[in-house]
Amino acid sequence: FAAVGLFASSLSAHPGLAAIAGYGVLILLSVIGRTGTGTADGLFAWLAWNEHLFWFLLGVVRTGDLLYFALFIGLFLALAHRRLANRRLG
């Protein structure tokens, strides 16, 4: 979640706006698993972070959940790095 906040703060110079954007992204990724039925329903369920966190709360550590959070952190840190590099270049 800190990686999402870091990415959101790289998008804006205002801390309040960055906090709202970070919470917005986390809420979106929380409810995306509850979308309607369809062919992409399995993908949306996998993207929801609360589905992966549920198993940790039960005390079950699964490799897929660890991979999800590693990819989640890596993606948002890479996006923040890319945004800051683009801002520095011009």
PDB file of N, CA and C in Angstrom:
ATOM      1  N   PHE A   1       0.824  -1.191   0.000  1.00  0.00           N
ATOM      2  CA  PHE A   1       0.000   0.000   0.000  1.00  0.00           C
ATOM      3  C   PHE A   1       0.863   1.248   0.000  1.00  0.00           C
ATOM      4  N   ALA A   2       2.037   1.134   0.611  1.00  0.00           N
ATOM      5  CA  ALA A   2       2.962   2.252   0.610  1.00  0.00           C
ATOM      6  C   ALA A   2       3.464   2.535  -0.803  1.00  0.00           C
ATOM      7  N   ALA A   3       3.625   1.512  -1.618  1.00  0.00           N
ATOM      8  CA  ALA A   3       4.061   1.711  -3.000  1.00  0.00           C
ATOM      9  C   ALA A   3       2.997   2.462  -3.794  1.00  0.00           C
ATOM     10  N   VAL A   4       1.736   2.181  -3.533  1.00  0.00           N
ATOM     11  CA  VAL A   4       0.652   2.916  -4.193  1.00  0.00           C
ATOM     12  C   VAL A   4       0.672   4.372  -3.747  1.00  0.00           C
ATOM     13  N   GLY A   5       0.879   4.613  -2.461  1.00  0.00           N
ATOM     14  CA  GLY A   5       0.960   5.972  -1.960  1.00  0.00           C
ATOM     15  C   GLY A   5       2.143   6.731  -2.529  1.00  0.00           C
ATOM     16  N   LEU A   6       3.273   6.049  -2.676  1.00  0.00           N
ATOM     17  CA  LEU A   6       4.448   6.679  -3.272  1.00  0.00           C
ATOM     18  C   LEU A   6       4.193   7.046  -4.722  1.00  0.00           C
ATOM     19  N   PHE A   7       3.547   6.162  -5.455  1.00  0.00           N
ATOM     20  CA  PHE A   7       3.204   6.462  -6.846  1.00  0.00           C
ATOM     21  C   PHE A   7       2.233   7.634  -6.923  1.00  0.00           C
ATOM     22  N   ALA A   8       1.227   7.636  -6.064  1.00  0.00           N
ATOM     23  CA  ALA A   8       0.259   8.731  -6.074  1.00  0.00           C
ATOM     24  C   ALA A   8       0.922  10.050  -5.719  1.00  0.00           C
ATOM     25  N   SER A   9       1.874  10.039  -4.795  1.00  0.00           N
ATOM     26  CA  SER A   9       2.553  11.279  -4.439  1.00  0.00           C
ATOM     27  C   SER A   9       3.504  11.733  -5.534  1.00  0.00           C
ATOM     28  N   SER A  10       3.940  10.833  -6.393  1.00  0.00           N
ATOM     29  CA  SER A  10       4.778  11.249  -7.515  1.00  0.00           C
ATOM     30  C   SER A  10       3.945  11.926  -8.603  1.00  0.00           C
ATOM     31  N   LEU A  11       2.640  11.707  -8.578  1.00  0.00           N
ATOM     32  CA  LEU A  11       1.770  12.324  -9.585  1.00  0.00           C
ATOM     33  C   LEU A  11       1.376  13.750  -9.231  1.00  0.00           C
ATOM     34  N   SER A  12       1.396  14.083  -7.951  1.00  0.00           N
ATOM     35  CA  SER A  12       0.897  15.380  -7.515  1.00  0.00           C
ATOM     36  C   SER A  12       1.857  16.020  -6.524  1.00  0.00           C
ATOM     37  N   ALA A  13       1.878  17.348  -6.529  1.00  0.00           N
ATOM     38  CA  ALA A  13       2.703  18.078  -5.564  1.00  0.00           C
ATOM     39  C   ALA A  13       1.933  18.344  -4.273  1.00  0.00           C
ATOM     40  N   HIS A  14       0.628  18.121  -4.279  1.00  0.00           N
ATOM     41  CA  HIS A  14      -0.215  18.363  -3.114  1.00  0.00           C
ATOM     42  C   HIS A  14      -0.425  17.065  -2.338  1.00  0.00           C
ATOM     43  N   PRO A  15      -0.051  17.025  -1.068  1.00  0.00           N
ATOM     44  CA  PRO A  15      -0.167  15.791  -0.289  1.00  0.00           C
ATOM     45  C   PRO A  15      -1.607  15.302  -0.123  1.00  0.00           C
ATOM     46  N   GLY A  16      -2.539  16.223   0.013  1.00  0.00           N
ATOM     47  CA  GLY A  16      -3.940  15.828   0.164  1.00  0.00           C
ATOM     48  C   GLY A  16      -4.471  15.147  -1.081  1.00  0.00           C
ATOM     49  N   LEU A  17      -4.146  15.686  -2.228  1.00  0.00           N
ATOM     50  CA  LEU A  17      -4.572  15.096  -3.493  1.00  0.00           C
ATOM     51  C   LEU A  17      -3.913  13.739  -3.710  1.00  0.00           C
ATOM     52  N   ALA A  18      -2.651  13.624  -3.312  1.00  0.00           N
ATOM     53  CA  ALA A  18      -1.947  12.347  -3.438  1.00  0.00           C
ATOM     54  C   ALA A  18      -2.582  11.287  -2.530  1.00  0.00           C
ATOM     55  N   ALA A  19      -2.989  11.672  -1.319  1.00  0.00           N
ATOM     56  CA  ALA A  19      -3.634  10.726  -0.416  1.00  0.00           C
ATOM     57  C   ALA A  19      -4.968  10.262  -0.974  1.00  0.00           C
ATOM     58  N   ILE A  20      -5.748  11.184  -1.532  1.00  0.00           N
ATOM     59  CA  ILE A  20      -7.037  10.817  -2.123  1.00  0.00           C
ATOM     60  C   ILE A  20      -6.833   9.894  -3.317  1.00  0.00           C
ATOM     61  N   ALA A  21      -5.838  10.190  -4.145  1.00  0.00           N
ATOM     62  CA  ALA A  21      -5.563   9.342  -5.310  1.00  0.00           C
ATOM     63  C   ALA A  21      -5.097   7.957  -4.878  1.00  0.00           C
ATOM     64  N   GLY A  22      -4.244   7.886  -3.868  1.00  0.00           N
ATOM     65  CA  GLY A  22      -3.783   6.586  -3.376  1.00  0.00           C
ATOM     66  C   GLY A  22      -4.917   5.749  -2.820  1.00  0.00           C
ATOM     67  N   TYR A  23      -5.768   6.369  -1.997  1.00  0.00           N
ATOM     68  CA  TYR A  23      -6.929   5.648  -1.470  1.00  0.00           C
ATOM     69  C   TYR A  23      -7.878   5.240  -2.590  1.00  0.00           C
ATOM     70  N   GLY A  24      -8.015   6.101  -3.588  1.00  0.00           N
ATOM     71  CA  GLY A  24      -8.885   5.776  -4.719  1.00  0.00           C
ATOM     72  C   GLY A  24      -8.409   4.547  -5.479  1.00  0.00           C
ATOM     73  N   VAL A  25      -7.114   4.470  -5.717  1.00  0.00           N
ATOM     74  CA  VAL A  25      -6.555   3.303  -6.423  1.00  0.00           C
ATOM     75  C   VAL A  25      -6.751   2.038  -5.591  1.00  0.00           C
ATOM     76  N   LEU A  26      -6.513   2.135  -4.280  1.00  0.00           N
ATOM     77  CA  LEU A  26      -6.675   0.964  -3.416  1.00  0.00           C
ATOM     78  C   LEU A  26      -8.132   0.525  -3.320  1.00  0.00           C
ATOM     79  N   ILE A  27      -9.051   1.478  -3.277  1.00  0.00           N
ATOM     80  CA  ILE A  27     -10.469   1.120  -3.254  1.00  0.00           C
ATOM     81  C   ILE A  27     -10.877   0.491  -4.580  1.00  0.00           C
ATOM     82  N   LEU A  28     -10.385   1.049  -5.683  1.00  0.00           N
ATOM     83  CA  LEU A  28     -10.692   0.474  -6.997  1.00  0.00           C
ATOM     84  C   LEU A  28     -10.182  -0.961  -7.090  1.00  0.00           C
ATOM     85  N   LEU A  29      -8.967  -1.196  -6.638  1.00  0.00           N
ATOM     86  CA  LEU A  29      -8.422  -2.551  -6.680  1.00  0.00           C
ATOM     87  C   LEU A  29      -9.078  -3.473  -5.660  1.00  0.00           C
ATOM     88  N   SER A  30      -9.766  -2.917  -4.688  1.00  0.00           N
ATOM     89  CA  SER A  30     -10.478  -3.736  -3.719  1.00  0.00           C
ATOM     90  C   SER A  30     -11.821  -4.216  -4.262  1.00  0.00           C
ATOM     91  N   VAL A  31     -12.525  -3.348  -4.973  1.00  0.00           N
ATOM     92  CA  VAL A  31     -13.866  -3.692  -5.441  1.00  0.00           C
ATOM     93  C   VAL A  31     -13.879  -4.256  -6.858  1.00  0.00           C
ATOM     94  N   ILE A  32     -12.735  -4.284  -7.510  1.00  0.00           N
ATOM     95  CA  ILE A  32     -12.697  -4.773  -8.888  1.00  0.00           C
ATOM     96  C   ILE A  32     -13.047  -6.260  -8.975  1.00  0.00           C
ATOM     97  N   GLY A  33     -12.837  -6.986  -7.905  1.00  0.00           N
ATOM     98  CA  GLY A  33     -13.175  -8.406  -7.897  1.00  0.00           C
ATOM     99  C   GLY A  33     -14.660  -8.671  -7.794  1.00  0.00           C
ATOM    100  N   ARG A  34     -15.432  -7.648  -7.492  1.00  0.00           N
ATOM    101  CA  ARG A  34     -16.878  -7.804  -7.347  1.00  0.00           C
ATOM    102  C   ARG A  34     -17.633  -7.334  -8.581  1.00  0.00           C
ATOM    103  N   THR A  35     -16.981  -7.286  -9.720  1.00  0.00           N
ATOM    104  CA  THR A  35     -17.645  -6.869 -10.949  1.00  0.00           C
ATOM    105  C   THR A  35     -18.587  -7.965 -11.408  1.00  0.00           C
ATOM    106  N   GLY A  36     -19.355  -7.665 -12.410  1.00  0.00           N
ATOM    107  CA  GLY A  36     -20.327  -8.621 -12.931  1.00  0.00           C
ATOM    108  C   GLY A  36     -19.675  -9.833 -13.558  1.00  0.00           C
ATOM    109  N   THR A  37     -20.489 -10.794 -13.921  1.00  0.00           N
ATOM    110  CA  THR A  37     -19.980 -12.022 -14.526  1.00  0.00           C
ATOM    111  C   THR A  37     -19.565 -11.748 -15.963  1.00  0.00           C
ATOM    112  N   GLY A  38     -18.665 -12.544 -16.444  1.00  0.00           N
ATOM    113  CA  GLY A  38     -18.175 -12.390 -17.802  1.00  0.00           C
ATOM    114  C   GLY A  38     -16.924 -13.218 -17.994  1.00  0.00           C
ATOM    115  N   THR A  39     -16.310 -13.056 -19.134  1.00  0.00           N
ATOM    116  CA  THR A  39     -15.125 -13.842 -19.430  1.00  0.00           C
ATOM    117  C   THR A  39     -13.907 -13.360 -18.642  1.00  0.00           C
ATOM    118  N   ALA A  40     -13.884 -12.091 -18.288  1.00  0.00           N
ATOM    119  CA  ALA A  40     -12.735 -11.539 -17.563  1.00  0.00           C
ATOM    120  C   ALA A  40     -12.946 -11.555 -16.052  1.00  0.00           C
ATOM    121  N   ASP A  41     -13.952 -12.259 -15.574  1.00  0.00           N
ATOM    122  CA  ASP A  41     -14.258 -12.271 -14.144  1.00  0.00           C
ATOM    123  C   ASP A  41     -13.120 -12.873 -13.332  1.00  0.00           C
ATOM    124  N   GLY A  42     -12.460 -13.899 -13.841  1.00  0.00           N
ATOM    125  CA  GLY A  42     -11.338 -14.506 -13.133  1.00  0.00           C
ATOM    126  C   GLY A  42     -10.152 -13.559 -13.018  1.00  0.00           C
ATOM    127  N   LEU A  43      -9.917 -12.776 -14.056  1.00  0.00           N
ATOM    128  CA  LEU A  43      -8.831 -11.800 -14.025  1.00  0.00           C
ATOM    129  C   LEU A  43      -9.116 -10.705 -13.004  1.00  0.00           C
ATOM    130  N   PHE A  44     -10.346 -10.214 -12.993  1.00  0.00           N
ATOM    131  CA  PHE A  44     -10.707  -9.169 -12.041  1.00  0.00           C
ATOM    132  C   PHE A  44     -10.647  -9.680 -10.609  1.00  0.00           C
ATOM    133  N   ALA A  45     -11.031 -10.913 -10.390  1.00  0.00           N
ATOM    134  CA  ALA A  45     -10.942 -11.488  -9.049  1.00  0.00           C
ATOM    135  C   ALA A  45      -9.481 -11.625  -8.624  1.00  0.00           C
ATOM    136  N   TRP A  46      -8.587 -11.936  -9.556  1.00  0.00           N
ATOM    137  CA  TRP A  46      -7.174 -12.060  -9.217  1.00  0.00           C
ATOM    138  C   TRP A  46      -6.550 -10.701  -8.928  1.00  0.00           C
ATOM    139  N   LEU A  47      -7.041  -9.633  -9.584  1.00  0.00           N
ATOM    140  CA  LEU A  47      -6.489  -8.301  -9.382  1.00  0.00           C
ATOM    141  C   LEU A  47      -6.882  -7.693  -8.043  1.00  0.00           C
ATOM    142  N   ALA A  48      -7.937  -8.169  -7.421  1.00  0.00           N
ATOM    143  CA  ALA A  48      -8.404  -7.601  -6.152  1.00  0.00           C
ATOM    144  C   ALA A  48      -7.451  -8.002  -5.032  1.00  0.00           C
ATOM    145  N   TRP A  49      -6.868  -7.021  -4.345  1.00  0.00           N
ATOM    146  CA  TRP A  49      -5.884  -7.297  -3.299  1.00  0.00           C
ATOM    147  C   TRP A  49      -6.525  -7.925  -2.072  1.00  0.00           C
ATOM    148  N   ASN A  50      -7.796  -7.630  -1.818  1.00  0.00           N
ATOM    149  CA  ASN A  50      -8.413  -8.175  -0.608  1.00  0.00           C
ATOM    150  C   ASN A  50      -8.636  -9.685  -0.702  1.00  0.00           C
ATOM    151  N   GLU A  51      -8.728 -10.211  -1.904  1.00  0.00           N
ATOM    152  CA  GLU A  51      -8.849 -11.665  -2.063  1.00  0.00           C
ATOM    153  C   GLU A  51      -7.549 -12.358  -1.653  1.00  0.00           C
ATOM    154  N   HIS A  52      -6.434 -11.726  -1.896  1.00  0.00           N
ATOM    155  CA  HIS A  52      -5.133 -12.297  -1.530  1.00  0.00           C
ATOM    156  C   HIS A  52      -4.827 -12.076  -0.047  1.00  0.00           C
ATOM    157  N   LEU A  53      -5.229 -10.935   0.474  1.00  0.00           N
ATOM    158  CA  LEU A  53      -4.986 -10.633   1.879  1.00  0.00           C
ATOM    159  C   LEU A  53      -5.812 -11.531   2.796  1.00  0.00           C
ATOM    160  N   PHE A  54      -6.966 -11.971   2.325  1.00  0.00           N
ATOM    161  CA  PHE A  54      -7.844 -12.835   3.113  1.00  0.00           C
ATOM    162  C   PHE A  54      -7.131 -14.096   3.575  1.00  0.00           C
ATOM    163  N   TRP A  55      -6.340 -14.690   2.698  1.00  0.00           N
ATOM    164  CA  TRP A  55      -5.635 -15.928   3.058  1.00  0.00           C
ATOM    165  C   TRP A  55      -4.559 -15.669   4.099  1.00  0.00           C
ATOM    166  N   PHE A  56      -3.894 -14.515   4.012  1.00  0.00           N
ATOM    167  CA  PHE A  56      -2.903 -14.173   5.028  1.00  0.00           C
ATOM    168  C   PHE A  56      -3.563 -13.995   6.391  1.00  0.00           C
ATOM    169  N   LEU A  57      -4.740 -13.408   6.414  1.00  0.00           N
ATOM    170  CA  LEU A  57      -5.458 -13.212   7.671  1.00  0.00           C
ATOM    171  C   LEU A  57      -5.889 -14.532   8.292  1.00  0.00           C
ATOM    172  N   LEU A  58      -6.085 -15.548   7.457  1.00  0.00           N
ATOM    173  CA  LEU A  58      -6.416 -16.881   7.959  1.00  0.00           C
ATOM    174  C   LEU A  58      -5.176 -17.650   8.399  1.00  0.00           C
ATOM    175  N   GLY A  59      -4.001 -17.117   8.117  1.00  0.00           N
ATOM    176  CA  GLY A  59      -2.760 -17.779   8.499  1.00  0.00           C
ATOM    177  C   GLY A  59      -2.207 -18.700   7.437  1.00  0.00           C
ATOM    178  N   VAL A  60      -2.756 -18.622   6.233  1.00  0.00           N
ATOM    179  CA  VAL A  60      -2.310 -19.466   5.123  1.00  0.00           C
ATOM    180  C   VAL A  60      -1.427 -18.625   4.208  1.00  0.00           C
ATOM    181  N   VAL A  61      -0.206 -19.072   4.009  1.00  0.00           N
ATOM    182  CA  VAL A  61       0.713 -18.378   3.120  1.00  0.00           C
ATOM    183  C   VAL A  61       0.805 -19.178   1.830  1.00  0.00           C
ATOM    184  N   ARG A  62       0.289 -18.585   0.770  1.00  0.00           N
ATOM    185  CA  ARG A  62       0.311 -19.253  -0.531  1.00  0.00           C
ATOM    186  C   ARG A  62       1.291 -18.531  -1.451  1.00  0.00           C
ATOM    187  N   THR A  63       1.939 -19.280  -2.309  1.00  0.00           N
ATOM    188  CA  THR A  63       2.933 -18.719  -3.218  1.00  0.00           C
ATOM    189  C   THR A  63       2.303 -17.717  -4.176  1.00  0.00           C
ATOM    190  N   GLY A  64       1.110 -18.007  -4.649  1.00  0.00           N
ATOM    191  CA  GLY A  64       0.432 -17.092  -5.559  1.00  0.00           C
ATOM    192  C   GLY A  64       0.147 -15.743  -4.924  1.00  0.00           C
ATOM    193  N   ASP A  65      -0.194 -15.749  -3.647  1.00  0.00           N
ATOM    194  CA  ASP A  65      -0.453 -14.490  -2.946  1.00  0.00           C
ATOM    195  C   ASP A  65       0.834 -13.703  -2.736  1.00  0.00           C
ATOM    196  N   LEU A  66       1.914 -14.404  -2.398  1.00  0.00           N
ATOM    197  CA  LEU A  66       3.205 -13.725  -2.266  1.00  0.00           C
ATOM    198  C   LEU A  66       3.646 -13.125  -3.590  1.00  0.00           C
ATOM    199  N   LEU A  67       3.433 -13.861  -4.674  1.00  0.00           N
ATOM    200  CA  LEU A  67       3.773 -13.367  -6.004  1.00  0.00           C
ATOM    201  C   LEU A  67       2.922 -12.156  -6.362  1.00  0.00           C
ATOM    202  N   TYR A  68       1.638 -12.196  -6.021  1.00  0.00           N
ATOM    203  CA  TYR A  68       0.757 -11.069  -6.299  1.00  0.00           C
ATOM    204  C   TYR A  68       1.272  -9.804  -5.619  1.00  0.00           C
ATOM    205  N   PHE A  69       1.585  -9.886  -4.326  1.00  0.00           N
ATOM    206  CA  PHE A  69       2.032  -8.697  -3.615  1.00  0.00           C
ATOM    207  C   PHE A  69       3.418  -8.244  -4.073  1.00  0.00           C
ATOM    208  N   ALA A  70       4.271  -9.165  -4.461  1.00  0.00           N
ATOM    209  CA  ALA A  70       5.578  -8.780  -5.004  1.00  0.00           C
ATOM    210  C   ALA A  70       5.410  -8.035  -6.336  1.00  0.00           C
ATOM    211  N   LEU A  71       4.519  -8.532  -7.186  1.00  0.00           N
ATOM    212  CA  LEU A  71       4.248  -7.850  -8.454  1.00  0.00           C
ATOM    213  C   LEU A  71       3.558  -6.509  -8.225  1.00  0.00           C
ATOM    214  N   PHE A  72       2.658  -6.457  -7.259  1.00  0.00           N
ATOM    215  CA  PHE A  72       1.942  -5.236  -6.895  1.00  0.00           C
ATOM    216  C   PHE A  72       2.929  -4.153  -6.468  1.00  0.00           C
ATOM    217  N   ILE A  73       3.850  -4.513  -5.571  1.00  0.00           N
ATOM    218  CA  ILE A  73       4.853  -3.561  -5.091  1.00  0.00           C
ATOM    219  C   ILE A  73       5.784  -3.156  -6.223  1.00  0.00           C
ATOM    220  N   GLY A  74       6.265  -4.132  -6.983  1.00  0.00           N
ATOM    221  CA  GLY A  74       7.178  -3.844  -8.084  1.00  0.00           C
ATOM    222  C   GLY A  74       6.562  -2.950  -9.142  1.00  0.00           C
ATOM    223  N   LEU A  75       5.296  -3.183  -9.472  1.00  0.00           N
ATOM    224  CA  LEU A  75       4.627  -2.377 -10.485  1.00  0.00           C
ATOM    225  C   LEU A  75       4.510  -0.926 -10.049  1.00  0.00           C
ATOM    226  N   PHE A  76       4.041  -0.695  -8.847  1.00  0.00           N
ATOM    227  CA  PHE A  76       3.835   0.690  -8.419  1.00  0.00           C
ATOM    228  C   PHE A  76       5.150   1.405  -8.130  1.00  0.00           C
ATOM    229  N   LEU A  77       6.171   0.694  -7.673  1.00  0.00           N
ATOM    230  CA  LEU A  77       7.479   1.325  -7.518  1.00  0.00           C
ATOM    231  C   LEU A  77       8.089   1.663  -8.872  1.00  0.00           C
ATOM    232  N   ALA A  78       7.906   0.787  -9.853  1.00  0.00           N
ATOM    233  CA  ALA A  78       8.406   1.061 -11.200  1.00  0.00           C
ATOM    234  C   ALA A  78       7.667   2.240 -11.825  1.00  0.00           C
ATOM    235  N   LEU A  79       6.360   2.331 -11.607  1.00  0.00           N
ATOM    236  CA  LEU A  79       5.598   3.468 -12.125  1.00  0.00           C
ATOM    237  C   LEU A  79       6.044   4.771 -11.476  1.00  0.00           C
ATOM    238  N   ALA A  80       6.293   4.751 -10.171  1.00  0.00           N
ATOM    239  CA  ALA A  80       6.763   5.951  -9.478  1.00  0.00           C
ATOM    240  C   ALA A  80       8.153   6.348  -9.976  1.00  0.00           C
ATOM    241  N   HIS A  81       9.025   5.365 -10.150  1.00  0.00           N
ATOM    242  CA  HIS A  81      10.374   5.650 -10.660  1.00  0.00           C
ATOM    243  C   HIS A  81      10.302   6.240 -12.058  1.00  0.00           C
ATOM    244  N   ARG A  82       9.451   5.677 -12.897  1.00  0.00           N
ATOM    245  CA  ARG A  82       9.320   6.154 -14.258  1.00  0.00           C
ATOM    246  C   ARG A  82       8.780   7.581 -14.289  1.00  0.00           C
ATOM    247  N   ARG A  83       7.803   7.855 -13.436  1.00  0.00           N
ATOM    248  CA  ARG A  83       7.212   9.197 -13.377  1.00  0.00           C
ATOM    249  C   ARG A  83       8.253  10.221 -12.921  1.00  0.00           C
ATOM    250  N   LEU A  84       9.043   9.888 -11.906  1.00  0.00           N
ATOM    251  CA  LEU A  84      10.056  10.817 -11.429  1.00  0.00           C
ATOM    252  C   LEU A  84      11.187  11.012 -12.440  1.00  0.00           C
ATOM    253  N   ALA A  85      11.529   9.947 -13.162  1.00  0.00           N
ATOM    254  CA  ALA A  85      12.565  10.070 -14.203  1.00  0.00           C
ATOM    255  C   ALA A  85      12.063  10.955 -15.349  1.00  0.00           C
ATOM    256  N   ASN A  86      10.805  10.806 -15.716  1.00  0.00           N
ATOM    257  CA  ASN A  86      10.255  11.655 -16.776  1.00  0.00           C
ATOM    258  C   ASN A  86      10.165  13.106 -16.323  1.00  0.00           C
ATOM    259  N   ARG A  87       9.839  13.342 -15.066  1.00  0.00           N
ATOM    260  CA  ARG A  87       9.767  14.712 -14.563  1.00  0.00           C
ATOM    261  C   ARG A  87      11.146  15.363 -14.552  1.00  0.00           C
ATOM    262  N   ARG A  88      12.169  14.574 -14.222  1.00  0.00           N
ATOM    263  CA  ARG A  88      13.525  15.101 -14.180  1.00  0.00           C
ATOM    264  C   ARG A  88      14.042  15.441 -15.568  1.00  0.00           C
ATOM    265  N   LEU A  89      13.656  14.652 -16.579  1.00  0.00           N
ATOM    266  CA  LEU A  89      14.131  14.893 -17.937  1.00  0.00           C
ATOM    267  C   LEU A  89      13.435  16.071 -18.606  1.00  0.00           C
ATOM    268  N   GLY A  90      12.282  16.414 -18.135  1.00  0.00           N
ATOM    269  CA  GLY A  90      11.671  17.581 -18.742  1.00  0.00           C
ATOM    270  C   GLY A  90      10.239  17.449 -18.806  1.00  0.00           C
TER     271      GLY A  90
END
